[in-house]
Amino acid sequence: MHDTLNPRLQQNVLLAFMRGLGDSPFLSSLLLVLSGVFAPNAFALDLDEKALAVAEQVHTGRIVCELGNVVHITPDAQNRGFFTLQMGKYRFHVSPVSSATGAVRLEDAQAGAMWLQLANKSMLMNSKLGQRLADECQSPAQVAVAEAMKKGPAFNLLEGPAPSMARK
């Protein structure tokens, strides 16, 4: 189906066509497989509340990385919580994945892309190639956090009580 069609409309058209096939399980299965290949967003699942909460934390816009790389992250206007991530010739359709560490993680499982966003930097990885595509990426907010970390490094819990808590 044409990429400019609304994904929900694509899904409704495909479901109506499948109903017209009658009792042919082979044709219905074939159409379902082909629809996933030619219109992969037609059957996209809605994100749960956890994933949507992660999506709200994603830094969007132009993000500058080391080695002169630039990553552009834009929200997908048709799919709430999804983003288009582009760097040079690479283009990924990513969605949030919950993380136990609290890091913001976006993935395009089909392409093997993963965007990992920490407080002070981000990186783009390709798990299929086993390599980093971009590192030391920083949005303006991440630059501010990185500068604050340089000026006053985080307290190390293994070194004893915090200076303000030290006994006199």
N, C-alpha and C. Protein backbone atom coordinates (compact mmCIF):
# COMPACT_ATOMS: atom_id res chain seq x y z
N MET A 1 0.84 -1.18 0.00
CA MET A 1 0.00 0.00 0.00
C MET A 1 0.88 1.24 0.00
N HIS A 2 0.32 2.31 -0.40
CA HIS A 2 1.07 3.56 -0.51
C HIS A 2 1.44 4.09 0.87
N ASP A 3 2.68 4.58 1.03
CA ASP A 3 3.18 5.01 2.34
C ASP A 3 2.44 6.22 2.90
N THR A 4 1.77 7.00 2.07
CA THR A 4 1.11 8.20 2.58
C THR A 4 -0.25 7.91 3.19
N LEU A 5 -0.75 6.70 3.02
CA LEU A 5 -2.04 6.36 3.63
C LEU A 5 -1.89 6.22 5.14
N ASN A 6 -2.90 6.62 5.85
CA ASN A 6 -2.94 6.46 7.30
C ASN A 6 -2.85 4.97 7.63
N PRO A 7 -1.99 4.58 8.57
CA PRO A 7 -1.86 3.16 8.91
C PRO A 7 -3.17 2.50 9.33
N ARG A 8 -4.02 3.21 10.05
CA ARG A 8 -5.31 2.63 10.46
C ARG A 8 -6.18 2.36 9.23
N LEU A 9 -6.14 3.27 8.25
CA LEU A 9 -6.90 3.08 7.02
C LEU A 9 -6.34 1.88 6.27
N GLN A 10 -5.01 1.75 6.21
CA GLN A 10 -4.38 0.59 5.56
C GLN A 10 -4.88 -0.70 6.21
N GLN A 11 -4.90 -0.71 7.53
CA GLN A 11 -5.33 -1.91 8.25
C GLN A 11 -6.78 -2.24 7.92
N ASN A 12 -7.65 -1.24 7.92
CA ASN A 12 -9.06 -1.48 7.63
C ASN A 12 -9.28 -2.00 6.21
N VAL A 13 -8.54 -1.46 5.24
CA VAL A 13 -8.66 -1.93 3.86
C VAL A 13 -8.20 -3.38 3.75
N LEU A 14 -7.07 -3.69 4.38
CA LEU A 14 -6.56 -5.06 4.31
C LEU A 14 -7.50 -6.05 5.01
N LEU A 15 -8.06 -5.66 6.15
CA LEU A 15 -8.99 -6.55 6.85
C LEU A 15 -10.26 -6.78 6.03
N ALA A 16 -10.75 -5.73 5.38
CA ALA A 16 -11.93 -5.87 4.54
C ALA A 16 -11.63 -6.80 3.36
N PHE A 17 -10.48 -6.67 2.78
CA PHE A 17 -10.10 -7.54 1.67
C PHE A 17 -9.98 -8.99 2.13
N MET A 18 -9.40 -9.19 3.33
CA MET A 18 -9.26 -10.55 3.85
C MET A 18 -10.62 -11.20 4.09
N ARG A 19 -11.57 -10.40 4.58
CA ARG A 19 -12.91 -10.95 4.81
C ARG A 19 -13.55 -11.41 3.50
N GLY A 20 -13.21 -10.72 2.42
CA GLY A 20 -13.75 -11.07 1.10
C GLY A 20 -13.16 -12.34 0.54
N LEU A 21 -12.09 -12.86 1.13
CA LEU A 21 -11.48 -14.08 0.64
C LEU A 21 -12.24 -15.33 1.05
N GLY A 22 -13.19 -15.15 1.92
CA GLY A 22 -14.01 -16.29 2.35
C GLY A 22 -13.27 -17.23 3.27
N ASP A 23 -13.41 -18.51 3.03
CA ASP A 23 -12.86 -19.52 3.93
C ASP A 23 -11.51 -20.07 3.46
N SER A 24 -10.75 -19.29 2.74
CA SER A 24 -9.46 -19.77 2.25
C SER A 24 -8.36 -19.38 3.24
N PRO A 25 -7.97 -20.29 4.17
CA PRO A 25 -6.95 -19.94 5.15
C PRO A 25 -5.60 -19.67 4.50
N PHE A 26 -5.30 -20.35 3.38
CA PHE A 26 -4.02 -20.12 2.71
C PHE A 26 -3.95 -18.70 2.17
N LEU A 27 -4.99 -18.24 1.48
CA LEU A 27 -4.98 -16.88 0.92
C LEU A 27 -4.99 -15.83 2.02
N SER A 28 -5.71 -16.09 3.10
CA SER A 28 -5.73 -15.15 4.21
C SER A 28 -4.35 -15.03 4.84
N SER A 29 -3.68 -16.18 5.04
CA SER A 29 -2.33 -16.16 5.61
C SER A 29 -1.34 -15.47 4.69
N LEU A 30 -1.45 -15.75 3.39
CA LEU A 30 -0.56 -15.13 2.42
C LEU A 30 -0.74 -13.61 2.42
N LEU A 31 -1.96 -13.15 2.45
CA LEU A 31 -2.22 -11.71 2.47
C LEU A 31 -1.67 -11.08 3.74
N LEU A 32 -1.82 -11.75 4.87
CA LEU A 32 -1.30 -11.23 6.13
C LEU A 32 0.22 -11.08 6.08
N VAL A 33 0.90 -12.08 5.54
CA VAL A 33 2.36 -12.01 5.42
C VAL A 33 2.76 -10.89 4.47
N LEU A 34 2.11 -10.81 3.31
CA LEU A 34 2.45 -9.77 2.33
C LEU A 34 2.15 -8.38 2.86
N SER A 35 1.10 -8.24 3.63
CA SER A 35 0.77 -6.91 4.17
C SER A 35 1.84 -6.46 5.15
N GLY A 36 2.44 -7.40 5.87
CA GLY A 36 3.53 -7.04 6.78
C GLY A 36 4.78 -6.63 6.03
N VAL A 37 4.98 -7.16 4.83
CA VAL A 37 6.15 -6.82 4.03
C VAL A 37 5.95 -5.48 3.33
N PHE A 38 4.79 -5.29 2.70
CA PHE A 38 4.58 -4.08 1.90
C PHE A 38 3.98 -2.92 2.67
N ALA A 39 3.35 -3.19 3.79
CA ALA A 39 2.77 -2.13 4.63
C ALA A 39 3.05 -2.48 6.08
N PRO A 40 4.32 -2.44 6.51
CA PRO A 40 4.67 -2.90 7.86
C PRO A 40 3.99 -2.13 8.97
N ASN A 41 3.62 -0.87 8.75
CA ASN A 41 2.97 -0.09 9.81
C ASN A 41 1.47 -0.35 9.89
N ALA A 42 0.92 -1.10 8.95
CA ALA A 42 -0.52 -1.30 8.94
C ALA A 42 -1.00 -2.04 10.18
N PHE A 43 -0.17 -2.89 10.74
CA PHE A 43 -0.56 -3.66 11.91
C PHE A 43 0.26 -3.29 13.13
N ALA A 44 0.76 -2.07 13.18
CA ALA A 44 1.58 -1.62 14.31
C ALA A 44 0.74 -1.64 15.58
N LEU A 45 1.36 -2.10 16.65
CA LEU A 45 0.67 -2.17 17.94
C LEU A 45 0.75 -0.83 18.63
N ASP A 46 -0.27 -0.52 19.37
CA ASP A 46 -0.23 0.68 20.20
C ASP A 46 0.72 0.42 21.35
N LEU A 47 1.41 1.46 21.78
CA LEU A 47 2.36 1.33 22.89
C LEU A 47 1.64 1.36 24.22
N ASP A 48 2.18 0.65 25.21
CA ASP A 48 1.60 0.68 26.54
C ASP A 48 2.02 1.96 27.26
N GLU A 49 1.48 2.18 28.43
CA GLU A 49 1.73 3.43 29.17
C GLU A 49 3.20 3.60 29.55
N LYS A 50 3.89 2.49 29.89
CA LYS A 50 5.31 2.58 30.22
C LYS A 50 6.11 3.10 29.03
N ALA A 51 5.84 2.53 27.86
CA ALA A 51 6.56 2.94 26.65
C ALA A 51 6.25 4.39 26.30
N LEU A 52 5.00 4.81 26.47
CA LEU A 52 4.64 6.20 26.19
C LEU A 52 5.32 7.15 27.16
N ALA A 53 5.50 6.72 28.41
CA ALA A 53 6.21 7.54 29.40
C ALA A 53 7.67 7.70 29.00
N VAL A 54 8.27 6.64 28.49
CA VAL A 54 9.65 6.72 28.00
C VAL A 54 9.72 7.65 26.80
N ALA A 55 8.75 7.56 25.90
CA ALA A 55 8.73 8.39 24.70
C ALA A 55 8.72 9.88 25.03
N GLU A 56 8.09 10.25 26.13
CA GLU A 56 8.02 11.66 26.52
C GLU A 56 9.39 12.21 26.93
N GLN A 57 10.34 11.34 27.25
CA GLN A 57 11.67 11.76 27.70
C GLN A 57 12.68 11.86 26.55
N VAL A 58 12.28 11.46 25.35
CA VAL A 58 13.21 11.43 24.22
C VAL A 58 13.57 12.85 23.78
N HIS A 59 14.86 13.10 23.62
CA HIS A 59 15.33 14.37 23.09
C HIS A 59 15.16 14.32 21.58
N THR A 60 14.49 15.31 21.00
CA THR A 60 14.25 15.33 19.57
C THR A 60 15.00 16.49 18.92
N GLY A 61 15.05 16.46 17.62
CA GLY A 61 15.71 17.52 16.87
C GLY A 61 17.08 17.08 16.39
N ARG A 62 17.92 18.06 16.17
CA ARG A 62 19.29 17.83 15.66
C ARG A 62 20.21 17.57 16.85
N ILE A 63 20.87 16.42 16.85
CA ILE A 63 21.75 16.03 17.94
C ILE A 63 23.14 15.78 17.36
N VAL A 64 24.10 16.56 17.83
CA VAL A 64 25.47 16.51 17.32
C VAL A 64 26.26 15.42 18.03
N CYS A 65 27.03 14.65 17.26
CA CYS A 65 27.83 13.55 17.78
C CYS A 65 29.30 13.76 17.45
N GLU A 66 30.14 12.88 18.01
CA GLU A 66 31.56 12.97 17.71
C GLU A 66 31.81 12.59 16.25
N LEU A 67 32.99 12.91 15.77
CA LEU A 67 33.42 12.63 14.40
C LEU A 67 32.56 13.31 13.34
N GLY A 68 31.90 14.40 13.73
CA GLY A 68 31.10 15.17 12.79
C GLY A 68 29.75 14.57 12.42
N ASN A 69 29.35 13.50 13.09
CA ASN A 69 28.05 12.89 12.81
C ASN A 69 26.93 13.72 13.42
N VAL A 70 25.79 13.71 12.77
CA VAL A 70 24.59 14.39 13.27
C VAL A 70 23.42 13.42 13.16
N VAL A 71 22.68 13.30 14.25
CA VAL A 71 21.48 12.46 14.29
C VAL A 71 20.27 13.37 14.37
N HIS A 72 19.26 13.09 13.57
CA HIS A 72 17.99 13.83 13.62
C HIS A 72 16.92 12.87 14.14
N ILE A 73 16.24 13.29 15.20
CA ILE A 73 15.15 12.48 15.76
C ILE A 73 13.87 13.31 15.67
N THR A 74 12.89 12.76 14.98
CA THR A 74 11.60 13.46 14.84
C THR A 74 10.47 12.53 15.25
N PRO A 75 9.49 13.06 15.98
CA PRO A 75 8.33 12.23 16.34
C PRO A 75 7.54 11.83 15.10
N ASP A 76 7.03 10.62 15.11
CA ASP A 76 6.18 10.13 14.02
C ASP A 76 4.78 10.69 14.25
N ALA A 77 4.33 11.53 13.35
CA ALA A 77 3.04 12.21 13.51
C ALA A 77 1.85 11.24 13.46
N GLN A 78 2.04 10.08 12.82
CA GLN A 78 0.94 9.13 12.67
C GLN A 78 0.92 8.06 13.75
N ASN A 79 2.04 7.84 14.42
CA ASN A 79 2.12 6.78 15.42
C ASN A 79 2.67 7.35 16.72
N ARG A 80 1.78 7.57 17.67
CA ARG A 80 2.15 8.16 18.96
C ARG A 80 3.22 7.32 19.66
N GLY A 81 4.31 7.98 20.07
CA GLY A 81 5.38 7.30 20.78
C GLY A 81 6.48 6.76 19.89
N PHE A 82 6.28 6.78 18.57
CA PHE A 82 7.29 6.31 17.63
C PHE A 82 8.07 7.50 17.09
N PHE A 83 9.30 7.25 16.63
CA PHE A 83 10.17 8.30 16.13
C PHE A 83 10.88 7.84 14.87
N THR A 84 11.25 8.81 14.05
CA THR A 84 12.15 8.55 12.93
C THR A 84 13.52 9.04 13.35
N LEU A 85 14.50 8.18 13.26
CA LEU A 85 15.86 8.51 13.63
C LEU A 85 16.70 8.40 12.35
N GLN A 86 17.37 9.50 12.00
CA GLN A 86 18.14 9.51 10.77
C GLN A 86 19.56 10.02 11.02
N MET A 87 20.52 9.31 10.43
CA MET A 87 21.91 9.73 10.47
C MET A 87 22.52 9.37 9.13
N GLY A 88 22.85 10.38 8.34
CA GLY A 88 23.42 10.12 7.02
C GLY A 88 22.50 9.25 6.19
N LYS A 89 23.03 8.14 5.69
CA LYS A 89 22.24 7.23 4.86
C LYS A 89 21.34 6.30 5.68
N TYR A 90 21.52 6.28 6.99
CA TYR A 90 20.71 5.41 7.85
C TYR A 90 19.42 6.10 8.24
N ARG A 91 18.33 5.34 8.20
CA ARG A 91 17.01 5.85 8.62
C ARG A 91 16.29 4.70 9.32
N PHE A 92 15.86 4.97 10.57
CA PHE A 92 15.22 3.94 11.37
C PHE A 92 13.88 4.44 11.91
N HIS A 93 12.93 3.53 12.04
CA HIS A 93 11.64 3.83 12.67
C HIS A 93 11.70 3.16 14.04
N VAL A 94 11.91 3.97 15.08
CA VAL A 94 12.18 3.44 16.41
C VAL A 94 11.02 3.66 17.37
N SER A 95 10.96 2.79 18.36
CA SER A 95 9.95 2.92 19.41
C SER A 95 10.62 2.68 20.76
N PRO A 96 10.05 3.25 21.83
CA PRO A 96 10.65 3.11 23.15
C PRO A 96 10.53 1.69 23.70
N VAL A 97 11.57 1.31 24.43
CA VAL A 97 11.61 0.01 25.11
C VAL A 97 11.94 0.32 26.56
N SER A 98 11.19 -0.26 27.49
CA SER A 98 11.46 0.02 28.90
C SER A 98 12.81 -0.57 29.29
N SER A 99 13.49 0.12 30.19
CA SER A 99 14.83 -0.27 30.61
C SER A 99 14.87 -0.29 32.14
N ALA A 100 15.50 -1.31 32.69
CA ALA A 100 15.60 -1.43 34.15
C ALA A 100 16.54 -0.37 34.73
N THR A 101 17.44 0.18 33.90
CA THR A 101 18.41 1.15 34.39
C THR A 101 17.89 2.58 34.40
N GLY A 102 16.75 2.81 33.77
CA GLY A 102 16.21 4.16 33.68
C GLY A 102 16.70 4.92 32.47
N ALA A 103 17.59 4.32 31.68
CA ALA A 103 18.04 4.96 30.44
C ALA A 103 16.90 4.95 29.43
N VAL A 104 16.88 5.95 28.57
CA VAL A 104 15.89 5.99 27.49
C VAL A 104 16.45 5.14 26.36
N ARG A 105 15.65 4.18 25.92
CA ARG A 105 16.09 3.25 24.88
C ARG A 105 15.06 3.18 23.77
N LEU A 106 15.51 3.44 22.55
CA LEU A 106 14.65 3.34 21.37
C LEU A 106 15.19 2.24 20.48
N GLU A 107 14.31 1.43 19.90
CA GLU A 107 14.77 0.33 19.06
C GLU A 107 13.98 0.21 17.77
N ASP A 108 14.68 -0.19 16.72
CA ASP A 108 14.10 -0.66 15.48
C ASP A 108 14.58 -2.10 15.38
N ALA A 109 13.79 -3.02 15.91
CA ALA A 109 14.22 -4.42 16.02
C ALA A 109 14.48 -5.04 14.65
N GLN A 110 13.70 -4.66 13.66
CA GLN A 110 13.86 -5.23 12.33
C GLN A 110 15.21 -4.85 11.74
N ALA A 111 15.63 -3.61 11.92
CA ALA A 111 16.91 -3.14 11.36
C ALA A 111 18.08 -3.39 12.31
N GLY A 112 17.79 -3.69 13.57
CA GLY A 112 18.83 -3.94 14.54
C GLY A 112 19.41 -2.67 15.16
N ALA A 113 18.69 -1.57 15.04
CA ALA A 113 19.18 -0.29 15.56
C ALA A 113 18.70 -0.07 16.99
N MET A 114 19.58 0.52 17.81
CA MET A 114 19.22 0.89 19.16
C MET A 114 19.83 2.25 19.49
N TRP A 115 18.99 3.16 19.97
CA TRP A 115 19.42 4.49 20.42
C TRP A 115 19.36 4.45 21.94
N LEU A 116 20.48 4.71 22.59
CA LEU A 116 20.55 4.72 24.04
C LEU A 116 20.81 6.14 24.49
N GLN A 117 19.88 6.69 25.27
CA GLN A 117 19.97 8.08 25.72
C GLN A 117 20.16 8.11 27.23
N LEU A 118 21.32 8.62 27.65
CA LEU A 118 21.61 8.82 29.07
C LEU A 118 21.43 10.30 29.38
N ALA A 119 21.63 10.68 30.63
CA ALA A 119 21.45 12.08 31.01
C ALA A 119 22.45 13.00 30.31
N ASN A 120 23.69 12.52 30.10
CA ASN A 120 24.73 13.38 29.56
C ASN A 120 25.17 13.07 28.13
N LYS A 121 24.74 11.96 27.55
CA LYS A 121 25.09 11.63 26.18
C LYS A 121 24.21 10.51 25.65
N SER A 122 24.28 10.33 24.33
CA SER A 122 23.53 9.25 23.68
C SER A 122 24.44 8.54 22.70
N MET A 123 24.01 7.35 22.25
CA MET A 123 24.76 6.63 21.22
C MET A 123 23.80 5.81 20.38
N LEU A 124 24.19 5.59 19.14
CA LEU A 124 23.42 4.79 18.19
C LEU A 124 24.20 3.52 17.91
N MET A 125 23.57 2.38 18.15
CA MET A 125 24.22 1.08 17.96
C MET A 125 23.45 0.27 16.91
N ASN A 126 24.18 -0.61 16.24
CA ASN A 126 23.56 -1.56 15.33
C ASN A 126 23.91 -2.95 15.83
N SER A 127 22.94 -3.63 16.42
CA SER A 127 23.19 -4.94 17.01
C SER A 127 23.44 -6.00 15.94
N LYS A 128 22.91 -5.82 14.73
CA LYS A 128 23.15 -6.79 13.67
C LYS A 128 24.59 -6.73 13.18
N LEU A 129 25.15 -5.52 13.14
CA LEU A 129 26.54 -5.35 12.73
C LEU A 129 27.50 -5.45 13.91
N GLY A 130 26.95 -5.31 15.13
CA GLY A 130 27.76 -5.36 16.33
C GLY A 130 28.69 -4.16 16.46
N GLN A 131 28.18 -2.98 16.11
CA GLN A 131 29.03 -1.80 16.18
C GLN A 131 28.24 -0.54 16.53
N ARG A 132 28.98 0.46 17.02
CA ARG A 132 28.40 1.77 17.27
C ARG A 132 28.41 2.55 15.97
N LEU A 133 27.28 3.12 15.65
CA LEU A 133 27.20 3.96 14.46
C LEU A 133 27.52 5.41 14.81
N ALA A 134 27.18 5.81 16.04
CA ALA A 134 27.46 7.18 16.51
C ALA A 134 27.62 7.13 18.02
N ASP A 135 28.56 7.96 18.52
CA ASP A 135 28.82 8.00 19.95
C ASP A 135 29.01 9.44 20.38
N GLU A 136 28.93 9.66 21.69
CA GLU A 136 29.09 11.01 22.26
C GLU A 136 28.12 12.01 21.62
N CYS A 137 26.89 11.57 21.40
CA CYS A 137 25.86 12.45 20.84
C CYS A 137 25.25 13.24 21.98
N GLN A 138 25.03 14.54 21.75
CA GLN A 138 24.49 15.38 22.82
C GLN A 138 23.49 16.40 22.30
N SER A 139 22.31 16.38 22.91
CA SER A 139 21.33 17.43 22.69
C SER A 139 21.75 18.61 23.57
N PRO A 140 21.17 19.79 23.39
CA PRO A 140 21.52 20.91 24.26
C PRO A 140 21.31 20.59 25.76
N ALA A 141 20.26 19.87 26.09
CA ALA A 141 20.02 19.50 27.49
C ALA A 141 21.11 18.57 28.01
N GLN A 142 21.58 17.66 27.18
CA GLN A 142 22.64 16.74 27.60
C GLN A 142 23.98 17.47 27.75
N VAL A 143 24.22 18.48 26.92
CA VAL A 143 25.44 19.28 27.06
C VAL A 143 25.45 19.95 28.43
N ALA A 144 24.30 20.50 28.84
CA ALA A 144 24.19 21.16 30.15
C ALA A 144 24.45 20.18 31.29
N VAL A 145 23.92 18.98 31.20
CA VAL A 145 24.15 17.97 32.24
C VAL A 145 25.62 17.58 32.27
N ALA A 146 26.24 17.39 31.11
CA ALA A 146 27.66 17.02 31.05
C ALA A 146 28.54 18.10 31.67
N GLU A 147 28.22 19.36 31.41
CA GLU A 147 28.98 20.48 32.00
C GLU A 147 28.83 20.49 33.51
N ALA A 148 27.62 20.27 33.99
CA ALA A 148 27.38 20.23 35.44
C ALA A 148 28.14 19.07 36.09
N MET A 149 28.25 17.96 35.40
CA MET A 149 28.97 16.80 35.93
C MET A 149 30.47 17.10 36.03
N LYS A 150 30.99 17.86 35.08
CA LYS A 150 32.42 18.22 35.11
C LYS A 150 32.73 19.17 36.27
N LYS A 151 31.80 20.10 36.53
CA LYS A 151 32.01 21.09 37.58
C LYS A 151 31.87 20.50 38.97
N GLY A 152 30.95 19.62 39.14
CA GLY A 152 30.71 19.00 40.45
C GLY A 152 30.40 17.54 40.27
N PRO A 153 31.43 16.71 40.19
CA PRO A 153 31.20 15.27 39.95
C PRO A 153 30.26 14.67 40.99
N ALA A 154 29.58 13.64 40.58
CA ALA A 154 28.65 12.94 41.48
C ALA A 154 29.41 12.36 42.67
N PHE A 155 28.77 12.32 43.79
CA PHE A 155 29.34 11.79 45.02
C PHE A 155 29.46 10.27 44.92
N ASN A 156 30.58 9.72 45.36
CA ASN A 156 30.83 8.29 45.36
C ASN A 156 30.40 7.72 46.71
N LEU A 157 29.39 6.88 46.71
CA LEU A 157 28.87 6.29 47.95
C LEU A 157 29.90 5.43 48.67
N LEU A 158 30.89 4.91 47.97
CA LEU A 158 31.89 4.03 48.57
C LEU A 158 32.94 4.79 49.36
N GLU A 159 32.96 6.11 49.20
CA GLU A 159 33.96 6.92 49.90
C GLU A 159 33.48 7.42 51.26
N GLY A 160 32.37 6.96 51.73
CA GLY A 160 31.87 7.38 53.04
C GLY A 160 30.74 8.38 52.90
N PRO A 161 30.37 9.04 54.01
CA PRO A 161 29.24 9.96 53.97
C PRO A 161 29.55 11.18 53.10
N ALA A 162 28.49 11.76 52.57
CA ALA A 162 28.63 12.96 51.74
C ALA A 162 29.24 14.07 52.58
N PRO A 163 30.03 14.96 51.97
CA PRO A 163 30.70 16.04 52.72
C PRO A 163 29.75 16.84 53.62
N SER A 164 28.55 17.10 53.17
CA SER A 164 27.61 17.87 53.97
C SER A 164 27.09 17.07 55.15
N MET A 165 27.25 15.76 55.10
CA MET A 165 26.76 14.89 56.16
C MET A 165 27.87 14.49 57.13
N ALA A 166 29.11 14.87 56.82
CA ALA A 166 30.25 14.47 57.66
C ALA A 166 30.12 15.06 59.05
N ARG A 167 30.51 14.27 60.04
CA ARG A 167 30.45 14.72 61.44
C ARG A 167 31.67 15.57 61.74
N LYS A 168 31.45 16.55 62.59
CA LYS A 168 32.54 17.45 62.97
C LYS A 168 33.14 17.00 64.26
